[in-house]
Protein backbone atom coordinates (compact mmCIF):
# COMPACT_ATOMS: atom_id res chain seq x y z
CA MET A 1 41.09 45.39 94.20
CA PRO A 2 40.23 43.01 91.34
CA PHE A 3 39.65 44.40 87.82
CA ALA A 4 36.04 43.61 87.80
CA ALA A 5 35.37 45.53 91.00
CA THR A 6 37.51 48.46 89.87
CA PHE A 7 35.68 48.61 86.58
CA LEU A 8 32.25 48.47 88.15
CA PHE A 9 33.21 51.16 90.64
CA GLY A 10 34.47 53.37 87.85
CA LEU A 11 31.40 52.77 85.77
CA GLY A 12 29.17 53.63 88.73
CA LEU A 13 31.20 56.78 89.44
CA TRP A 14 30.85 57.83 85.83
CA LEU A 15 27.13 57.22 85.72
CA PHE A 16 26.62 59.17 89.01
CA SER A 17 28.71 62.00 87.60
CA GLU A 18 26.69 62.09 84.35
CA ILE A 19 23.35 62.26 86.27
CA PHE A 20 24.74 64.95 88.66
CA VAL A 21 25.93 67.14 85.73
CA PHE A 22 22.65 66.54 83.80
CA GLY A 23 20.89 67.79 86.97
CA LEU A 24 23.08 70.91 87.09
CA VAL A 25 22.60 71.67 83.38
CA SER A 26 18.78 71.17 83.56
CA ALA A 27 18.68 73.52 86.60
CA ALA A 28 20.55 76.12 84.60
CA ILE A 29 18.76 75.88 81.18
CA GLY A 30 15.63 73.88 81.99
CA LEU A 31 14.77 70.25 81.57
CA GLY A 32 13.56 70.73 77.92
CA GLY A 33 16.80 72.53 77.02
CA ALA A 34 18.91 69.87 78.63
CA ILE A 35 17.07 67.02 76.77
CA LEU A 36 17.27 69.01 73.49
CA ALA A 37 21.05 69.49 73.96
CA THR A 38 21.47 65.81 74.72
CA LEU A 39 19.57 64.89 71.54
CA LEU A 40 21.52 67.39 69.44
CA THR A 41 24.92 66.12 70.54
CA SER A 42 23.87 62.53 69.96
CA LEU A 43 22.72 63.49 66.44
CA LEU A 44 26.07 65.18 65.83
CA GLY A 45 27.90 62.10 67.00
CA ALA A 46 25.87 59.92 64.71
CA VAL A 47 26.51 62.18 61.74
CA LEU A 48 30.21 62.22 62.44
CA LEU A 49 30.37 58.40 62.79
CA ARG A 50 28.52 58.06 59.48
CA ARG A 51 30.93 60.38 57.75
CA LEU A 52 33.97 58.58 59.18
CA GLY A 53 32.48 55.24 58.16
CA ARG A 54 32.02 56.44 54.60
CA THR A 55 35.56 57.68 54.45
CA ALA A 56 36.92 54.34 55.77
CA ARG A 57 34.75 52.37 53.39
CA GLN A 58 36.12 54.34 50.38
CA GLU A 59 39.64 53.73 51.58
CA LEU A 60 38.94 49.92 51.97
CA LYS A 61 37.50 49.81 48.43
CA ALA A 62 40.61 51.56 47.07
CA VAL A 63 42.86 49.00 48.80
CA LEU A 64 40.79 46.06 47.62
CA LYS A 65 40.90 47.35 44.01
CA GLY A 66 44.74 47.11 44.20
CA GLY A 67 45.25 50.79 44.72
CA VAL A 68 47.74 51.96 47.25
CA VAL A 69 46.52 54.23 49.99
CA ARG A 70 49.12 56.29 51.64
CA LEU A 71 48.29 57.65 55.07
CA ALA A 72 49.88 60.70 56.57
CA PRO A 73 51.87 60.03 59.76
CA GLY A 74 49.35 59.81 62.64
CA ALA A 75 46.28 59.70 60.33
CA LEU A 76 45.18 56.33 61.68
CA GLU A 77 45.55 57.45 65.35
CA SER A 78 43.78 60.68 64.63
CA GLY A 79 40.93 58.80 62.92
CA VAL A 80 40.57 56.48 65.86
CA LEU A 81 40.42 59.44 68.32
CA ALA A 82 37.86 61.12 66.13
CA ALA A 83 35.72 57.93 66.05
CA LEU A 84 35.99 57.63 69.89
CA GLY A 85 34.88 61.30 70.07
CA GLY A 86 31.88 60.51 67.90
CA VAL A 87 30.94 57.45 70.04
CA LEU A 88 31.19 59.61 73.18
CA LEU A 89 28.94 62.25 71.55
CA VAL A 90 26.32 59.61 70.81
CA LEU A 91 26.20 58.51 74.42
CA PRO A 92 23.79 60.50 76.49
CA GLY A 93 25.46 62.72 79.07
CA PHE A 94 27.30 66.06 79.14
CA LEU A 95 30.52 64.77 80.60
CA SER A 96 30.94 62.34 77.74
CA ASP A 97 29.97 65.09 75.28
CA CYS A 98 32.73 67.31 76.66
CA VAL A 99 35.37 64.54 76.31
CA GLY A 100 34.03 63.65 72.81
CA LEU A 101 34.22 67.31 71.68
CA ALA A 102 37.74 67.55 73.04
CA LEU A 103 38.71 64.42 71.02
CA LEU A 104 37.30 65.98 67.92
CA ALA A 105 39.54 69.02 68.26
CA PRO A 106 42.34 68.65 65.73
CA ALA A 107 44.73 70.47 68.08
CA LEU A 108 44.26 67.84 70.74
CA ARG A 109 44.65 65.06 68.24
CA ARG A 110 47.86 66.58 66.96
CA LEU A 111 49.27 66.64 70.51
CA SER A 112 49.08 62.79 70.66
CA THR A 113 51.06 62.24 67.39
CA PRO A 114 54.70 63.10 67.04
CA ALA A 115 55.55 65.83 64.55
CA PRO A 116 57.20 64.54 61.33
CA MET A 117 60.82 65.25 60.83
CA PRO A 118 61.30 68.08 58.29
CA ALA A 119 62.80 66.86 55.02
CA ASP A 120 64.61 70.13 54.45
CA LYS A 121 66.69 69.82 57.60
CA PRO A 122 70.40 69.85 56.52
CA ASP A 123 71.52 66.99 58.84
CA VAL A 124 68.81 64.60 57.50
CA ILE A 125 69.52 62.47 54.44
CA ASP A 126 66.63 60.47 53.16
CA LEU A 127 67.88 57.25 51.52
CA SER A 128 66.08 54.29 50.13
CA PRO A 129 67.18 50.82 51.39
CA GLN A 130 69.15 50.22 48.13
CA ASP A 131 71.19 53.44 48.70
CA TRP A 132 72.97 52.49 51.94
CA GLN A 133 74.93 49.71 53.57
CA ARG A 134 76.03 48.97 57.08
CA ILE A 135 79.59 49.66 58.04
CA GLU A 136 81.18 47.70 60.86
CA GLU A 137 82.74 49.67 63.71
CA ARG A 138 86.24 48.42 62.88
CA ASP A 139 85.96 49.65 59.25
CA ARG A 140 85.02 53.19 60.30
CA ASN A 141 88.54 54.36 60.97
């Protein structure tokens, strides 16, 4: 199946699922409650995206002023996942809200990034590039 057809089929399936789940939620808590919940999650997503944008803007200003910004391992990936979660919260629909909230959970974001190697491990020696040299295989013995 061509990419465009697959994409349109997936988009249609997603929209149908969102409408179906909205119907289930509105049957459970009422139409007013479902609309209010949708508006509140959209507002939460907008606030989150604004906060993430402010943080990114501050980091960019620091870099442009000549400062060095050091990111923790996986910080960029975690920020992108949080931004995607915010975008999914802004979109109307409870399925996208569930996925967006899951992406905002720090535990889930940590699963996608590898754990850093502990520096206090006895078999790990951290050297700068000036402190080591390559030894050819024939010179090892």
